[in-house]
Amino acid sequence: MVEADEGGFRGPKRINHVALSIPSDLLSQQGRADLASFFNDVFGWAELDMMTIDGQRMIFSVNSYDRFVFLLADEAPMSCPPGLPGDHFGVQVDSMDELNIVLARAEAFRAGDDRVEILPYAVEDHTVLKLHAFYVRYLLPMSIEVQYFELTPG
C-alpha cells in the first residue's frame, strides 16, 4: 500500500471521467438525440452542447462540470462482450430511494425503447457493507452499474 506523503496525500480520490470510442453513426443527429434522451431521462445527465461535434464527439455532464462521460467516434470503436453485467463502469447514489428512482426511470425508458438492457436489482451482503446495485446498458458498448453502499452495524 502506498504511504501518504508528509501532507497526507496518497493519490487521486476519484475518477472524473470515462471515455468510450464508439461508431460514428451513433454520434449522428439521431444517435445523439437517442443518447441524450436516455441519459437525461434516466440519469439526469446533460449533453454539453458546446462540446458536440456532429459524427465525432459528444460529452455528458455527470451532474457536475468536473465529472463527465466522453463519447468519441472511432473507425475501430471499443467492443465489449455481449450480455450484462459485462464490461461496465459504476455510478453511486446516496440512498436506496435514489437507486429505486434511477431503476424506475430505466424501466420506464425500456418500456418505450427495447434497446435498453437491465440486469435486475440485487444485493451483495458483505456483513458490514451491503452493496445494492443494478446494471443498465443503452446503445454504448459498456453498461453502467448503479450502486448504493449501505453500512450495517458490525
C-alpha atoms as a PDB file:
ATOM      1  CA  MET A   1       0.000   0.000   0.000  1.00  0.00           C
ATOM      2  CA  VAL A   2       1.263   3.461  -0.861  1.00  0.00           C
ATOM      3  CA  GLU A   3       2.215   5.526   2.148  1.00  0.00           C
ATOM      4  CA  ALA A   4       0.883   9.076   2.421  1.00  0.00           C
ATOM      5  CA  ASP A   5       3.392  11.874   1.889  1.00  0.00           C
ATOM      6  CA  GLU A   6       4.171  14.448   4.586  1.00  0.00           C
ATOM      7  CA  GLY A   7       0.996  16.370   3.754  1.00  0.00           C
ATOM      8  CA  GLY A   8      -1.167  13.231   3.956  1.00  0.00           C
ATOM      9  CA  PHE A   9      -1.610  12.857   0.157  1.00  0.00           C
ATOM     10  CA  ARG A  10      -1.914   9.247  -1.040  1.00  0.00           C
ATOM     11  CA  GLY A  11      -3.130   9.918  -4.572  1.00  0.00           C
ATOM     12  CA  PRO A  12      -6.273  10.890  -6.506  1.00  0.00           C
ATOM     13  CA  LYS A  13      -9.545  10.054  -4.743  1.00  0.00           C
ATOM     14  CA  ARG A  14     -11.989   9.869  -7.588  1.00  0.00           C
ATOM     15  CA  ILE A  15     -12.285   9.258 -11.288  1.00  0.00           C
ATOM     16  CA  ASN A  16     -13.587  12.337 -13.059  1.00  0.00           C
ATOM     17  CA  HIS A  17     -14.495  10.943 -16.481  1.00  0.00           C
ATOM     18  CA  VAL A  18     -14.966   7.889 -18.640  1.00  0.00           C
ATOM     19  CA  ALA A  19     -14.133   7.998 -22.354  1.00  0.00           C
ATOM     20  CA  LEU A  20     -15.578   5.488 -24.806  1.00  0.00           C
ATOM     21  CA  SER A  21     -14.846   5.093 -28.502  1.00  0.00           C
ATOM     22  CA  ILE A  22     -17.998   4.323 -30.465  1.00  0.00           C
ATOM     23  CA  PRO A  23     -19.084   4.085 -34.123  1.00  0.00           C
ATOM     24  CA  SER A  24     -19.515   7.497 -35.759  1.00  0.00           C
ATOM     25  CA  ASP A  25     -23.122   6.749 -36.786  1.00  0.00           C
ATOM     26  CA  LEU A  26     -24.026   6.650 -33.085  1.00  0.00           C
ATOM     27  CA  LEU A  27     -22.935  10.294 -32.987  1.00  0.00           C
ATOM     28  CA  SER A  28     -25.176  11.299 -35.887  1.00  0.00           C
ATOM     29  CA  GLN A  29     -28.030  13.680 -35.145  1.00  0.00           C
ATOM     30  CA  GLN A  30     -30.457  10.802 -34.463  1.00  0.00           C
ATOM     31  CA  GLY A  31     -27.941   8.780 -32.441  1.00  0.00           C
ATOM     32  CA  ARG A  32     -27.130  11.799 -30.275  1.00  0.00           C
ATOM     33  CA  ALA A  33     -30.823  12.527 -29.776  1.00  0.00           C
ATOM     34  CA  ASP A  34     -31.401   8.937 -28.610  1.00  0.00           C
ATOM     35  CA  LEU A  35     -28.415   9.043 -26.241  1.00  0.00           C
ATOM     36  CA  ALA A  36     -29.342  12.481 -24.899  1.00  0.00           C
ATOM     37  CA  SER A  37     -32.908  11.385 -24.230  1.00  0.00           C
ATOM     38  CA  PHE A  38     -31.832   8.240 -22.350  1.00  0.00           C
ATOM     39  CA  PHE A  39     -29.058   9.744 -20.254  1.00  0.00           C
ATOM     40  CA  ASN A  40     -31.102  12.814 -19.366  1.00  0.00           C
ATOM     41  CA  ASP A  41     -34.310  10.903 -18.576  1.00  0.00           C
ATOM     42  CA  VAL A  42     -32.644   8.092 -16.608  1.00  0.00           C
ATOM     43  CA  PHE A  43     -29.557   9.669 -15.016  1.00  0.00           C
ATOM     44  CA  GLY A  44     -30.230  13.405 -15.240  1.00  0.00           C
ATOM     45  CA  TRP A  45     -27.030  13.909 -17.253  1.00  0.00           C
ATOM     46  CA  ALA A  46     -26.936  16.851 -19.638  1.00  0.00           C
ATOM     47  CA  GLU A  47     -25.242  16.940 -23.016  1.00  0.00           C
ATOM     48  CA  LEU A  48     -22.572  19.640 -23.153  1.00  0.00           C
ATOM     49  CA  ASP A  49     -23.790  21.048 -26.477  1.00  0.00           C
ATOM     50  CA  MET A  50     -20.843  23.402 -26.894  1.00  0.00           C
ATOM     51  CA  MET A  51     -18.528  20.359 -26.979  1.00  0.00           C
ATOM     52  CA  THR A  52     -20.554  18.328 -29.517  1.00  0.00           C
ATOM     53  CA  ILE A  53     -19.130  17.758 -32.985  1.00  0.00           C
ATOM     54  CA  ASP A  54     -21.600  16.012 -35.314  1.00  0.00           C
ATOM     55  CA  GLY A  55     -20.468  12.468 -36.025  1.00  0.00           C
ATOM     56  CA  GLN A  56     -17.326  12.878 -33.907  1.00  0.00           C
ATOM     57  CA  ARG A  57     -17.857  13.778 -30.251  1.00  0.00           C
ATOM     58  CA  MET A  58     -20.490  14.042 -27.532  1.00  0.00           C
ATOM     59  CA  ILE A  59     -19.976  14.733 -23.832  1.00  0.00           C
ATOM     60  CA  PHE A  60     -22.401  14.305 -20.925  1.00  0.00           C
ATOM     61  CA  SER A  61     -22.002  16.194 -17.688  1.00  0.00           C
ATOM     62  CA  VAL A  62     -22.483  13.784 -14.791  1.00  0.00           C
ATOM     63  CA  ASN A  63     -24.311  16.372 -12.659  1.00  0.00           C
ATOM     64  CA  SER A  64     -21.112  18.418 -12.249  1.00  0.00           C
ATOM     65  CA  TYR A  65     -18.799  20.368 -14.529  1.00  0.00           C
ATOM     66  CA  ASP A  66     -15.823  18.210 -13.480  1.00  0.00           C
ATOM     67  CA  ARG A  67     -17.396  14.756 -13.999  1.00  0.00           C
ATOM     68  CA  PHE A  68     -18.361  13.593 -17.441  1.00  0.00           C
ATOM     69  CA  VAL A  69     -18.806  10.790 -19.957  1.00  0.00           C
ATOM     70  CA  PHE A  70     -16.867  11.444 -23.163  1.00  0.00           C
ATOM     71  CA  LEU A  71     -18.009   9.689 -26.365  1.00  0.00           C
ATOM     72  CA  LEU A  72     -15.635   9.799 -29.297  1.00  0.00           C
ATOM     73  CA  ALA A  73     -16.138   8.342 -32.783  1.00  0.00           C
ATOM     74  CA  ASP A  74     -13.506   5.901 -33.942  1.00  0.00           C
ATOM     75  CA  GLU A  75     -13.124   3.707 -37.037  1.00  0.00           C
ATOM     76  CA  ALA A  76     -12.243   0.842 -34.676  1.00  0.00           C
ATOM     77  CA  PRO A  77     -14.557   1.539 -31.717  1.00  0.00           C
ATOM     78  CA  MET A  78     -14.282  -0.344 -28.467  1.00  0.00           C
ATOM     79  CA  SER A  79     -16.210  -3.550 -28.199  1.00  0.00           C
ATOM     80  CA  CYS A  80     -17.326  -5.379 -25.098  1.00  0.00           C
ATOM     81  CA  PRO A  81     -18.701  -8.872 -24.656  1.00  0.00           C
ATOM     82  CA  PRO A  82     -22.490  -9.061 -25.028  1.00  0.00           C
ATOM     83  CA  GLY A  83     -24.673  -9.534 -22.002  1.00  0.00           C
ATOM     84  CA  LEU A  84     -24.865  -7.895 -18.637  1.00  0.00           C
ATOM     85  CA  PRO A  85     -23.034  -7.064 -16.467  1.00  0.00           C
ATOM     86  CA  GLY A  86     -20.078  -7.356 -18.838  1.00  0.00           C
ATOM     87  CA  ASP A  87     -17.603  -4.519 -19.096  1.00  0.00           C
ATOM     88  CA  HIS A  88     -19.005  -1.576 -17.176  1.00  0.00           C
ATOM     89  CA  PHE A  89     -18.375   1.492 -15.087  1.00  0.00           C
ATOM     90  CA  GLY A  90     -20.155   2.360 -11.867  1.00  0.00           C
ATOM     91  CA  VAL A  91     -22.044   5.338 -10.539  1.00  0.00           C
ATOM     92  CA  GLN A  92     -23.017   5.760  -6.917  1.00  0.00           C
ATOM     93  CA  VAL A  93     -26.231   7.103  -5.418  1.00  0.00           C
ATOM     94  CA  ASP A  94     -26.658   8.245  -1.824  1.00  0.00           C
ATOM     95  CA  SER A  95     -29.755   6.286  -0.798  1.00  0.00           C
ATOM     96  CA  MET A  96     -31.996   3.340  -1.631  1.00  0.00           C
ATOM     97  CA  ASP A  97     -34.665   5.833  -2.666  1.00  0.00           C
ATOM     98  CA  GLU A  98     -32.285   7.301  -5.268  1.00  0.00           C
ATOM     99  CA  LEU A  99     -31.346   3.820  -6.537  1.00  0.00           C
ATOM    100  CA  ASN A 100     -35.035   2.943  -6.880  1.00  0.00           C
ATOM    101  CA  ILE A 101     -35.723   6.203  -8.731  1.00  0.00           C
ATOM    102  CA  VAL A 102     -32.970   5.536 -11.287  1.00  0.00           C
ATOM    103  CA  LEU A 103     -34.118   1.929 -11.698  1.00  0.00           C
ATOM    104  CA  ALA A 104     -37.737   3.033 -12.224  1.00  0.00           C
ATOM    105  CA  ARG A 105     -36.608   5.590 -14.803  1.00  0.00           C
ATOM    106  CA  ALA A 106     -34.577   2.952 -16.668  1.00  0.00           C
ATOM    107  CA  GLU A 107     -37.534   0.556 -16.658  1.00  0.00           C
ATOM    108  CA  ALA A 108     -39.880   3.296 -17.891  1.00  0.00           C
ATOM    109  CA  PHE A 109     -37.472   4.177 -20.706  1.00  0.00           C
ATOM    110  CA  ARG A 110     -37.177   0.480 -21.631  1.00  0.00           C
ATOM    111  CA  ALA A 111     -40.974   0.287 -21.906  1.00  0.00           C
ATOM    112  CA  GLY A 112     -40.712   2.655 -24.872  1.00  0.00           C
ATOM    113  CA  ASP A 113     -37.360   1.505 -26.292  1.00  0.00           C
ATOM    114  CA  ASP A 114     -36.411  -2.169 -26.308  1.00  0.00           C
ATOM    115  CA  ARG A 115     -32.724  -1.335 -26.845  1.00  0.00           C
ATOM    116  CA  VAL A 116     -32.422  -0.747 -23.090  1.00  0.00           C
ATOM    117  CA  GLU A 117     -30.921  -3.733 -21.254  1.00  0.00           C
ATOM    118  CA  ILE A 118     -31.333  -4.064 -17.486  1.00  0.00           C
ATOM    119  CA  LEU A 119     -29.838  -6.622 -15.122  1.00  0.00           C
ATOM    120  CA  PRO A 120     -32.234  -6.573 -12.172  1.00  0.00           C
ATOM    121  CA  TYR A 121     -31.522  -5.159  -8.755  1.00  0.00           C
ATOM    122  CA  ALA A 122     -29.521  -7.374  -6.401  1.00  0.00           C
ATOM    123  CA  VAL A 123     -27.790  -7.090  -3.017  1.00  0.00           C
ATOM    124  CA  GLU A 124     -24.352  -8.385  -2.082  1.00  0.00           C
ATOM    125  CA  ASP A 125     -24.113  -8.758   1.707  1.00  0.00           C
ATOM    126  CA  HIS A 126     -20.551  -8.294   2.991  1.00  0.00           C
ATOM    127  CA  THR A 127     -21.541  -8.192   6.694  1.00  0.00           C
ATOM    128  CA  VAL A 128     -20.559  -4.584   7.449  1.00  0.00           C
ATOM    129  CA  LEU A 129     -21.497  -3.395   3.978  1.00  0.00           C
ATOM    130  CA  LYS A 130     -24.407  -4.233   1.730  1.00  0.00           C
ATOM    131  CA  LEU A 131     -23.918  -3.343  -1.919  1.00  0.00           C
ATOM    132  CA  HIS A 132     -27.257  -2.647  -3.610  1.00  0.00           C
ATOM    133  CA  ALA A 133     -26.957  -2.460  -7.398  1.00  0.00           C
ATOM    134  CA  PHE A 134     -28.388  -2.973 -10.846  1.00  0.00           C
ATOM    135  CA  TYR A 135     -26.882  -2.723 -14.332  1.00  0.00           C
ATOM    136  CA  VAL A 136     -28.215  -0.896 -17.360  1.00  0.00           C
ATOM    137  CA  ARG A 137     -26.947  -0.525 -20.915  1.00  0.00           C
ATOM    138  CA  TYR A 138     -28.229   1.602 -23.763  1.00  0.00           C
ATOM    139  CA  LEU A 139     -26.502   1.769 -27.160  1.00  0.00           C
ATOM    140  CA  LEU A 140     -22.985   2.110 -25.713  1.00  0.00           C
ATOM    141  CA  PRO A 141     -20.541  -0.802 -25.520  1.00  0.00           C
ATOM    142  CA  MET A 142     -20.232  -0.600 -21.728  1.00  0.00           C
ATOM    143  CA  SER A 143     -23.017  -0.975 -19.215  1.00  0.00           C
ATOM    144  CA  ILE A 144     -23.421   1.150 -16.099  1.00  0.00           C
ATOM    145  CA  GLU A 145     -23.678  -0.278 -12.614  1.00  0.00           C
ATOM    146  CA  VAL A 146     -25.779   1.904 -10.311  1.00  0.00           C
ATOM    147  CA  GLN A 147     -24.723   1.304  -6.710  1.00  0.00           C
ATOM    148  CA  TYR A 148     -25.786   2.216  -3.190  1.00  0.00           C
ATOM    149  CA  PHE A 149     -23.464   1.322  -0.315  1.00  0.00           C
ATOM    150  CA  GLU A 150     -25.337   0.548   2.903  1.00  0.00           C
ATOM    151  CA  LEU A 151     -23.141   0.424   6.004  1.00  0.00           C
ATOM    152  CA  THR A 152     -24.511  -2.022   8.550  1.00  0.00           C
ATOM    153  CA  PRO A 153     -23.637  -2.481  12.219  1.00  0.00           C
ATOM    154  CA  GLY A 154     -20.864  -4.937  12.790  1.00  0.00           C
END
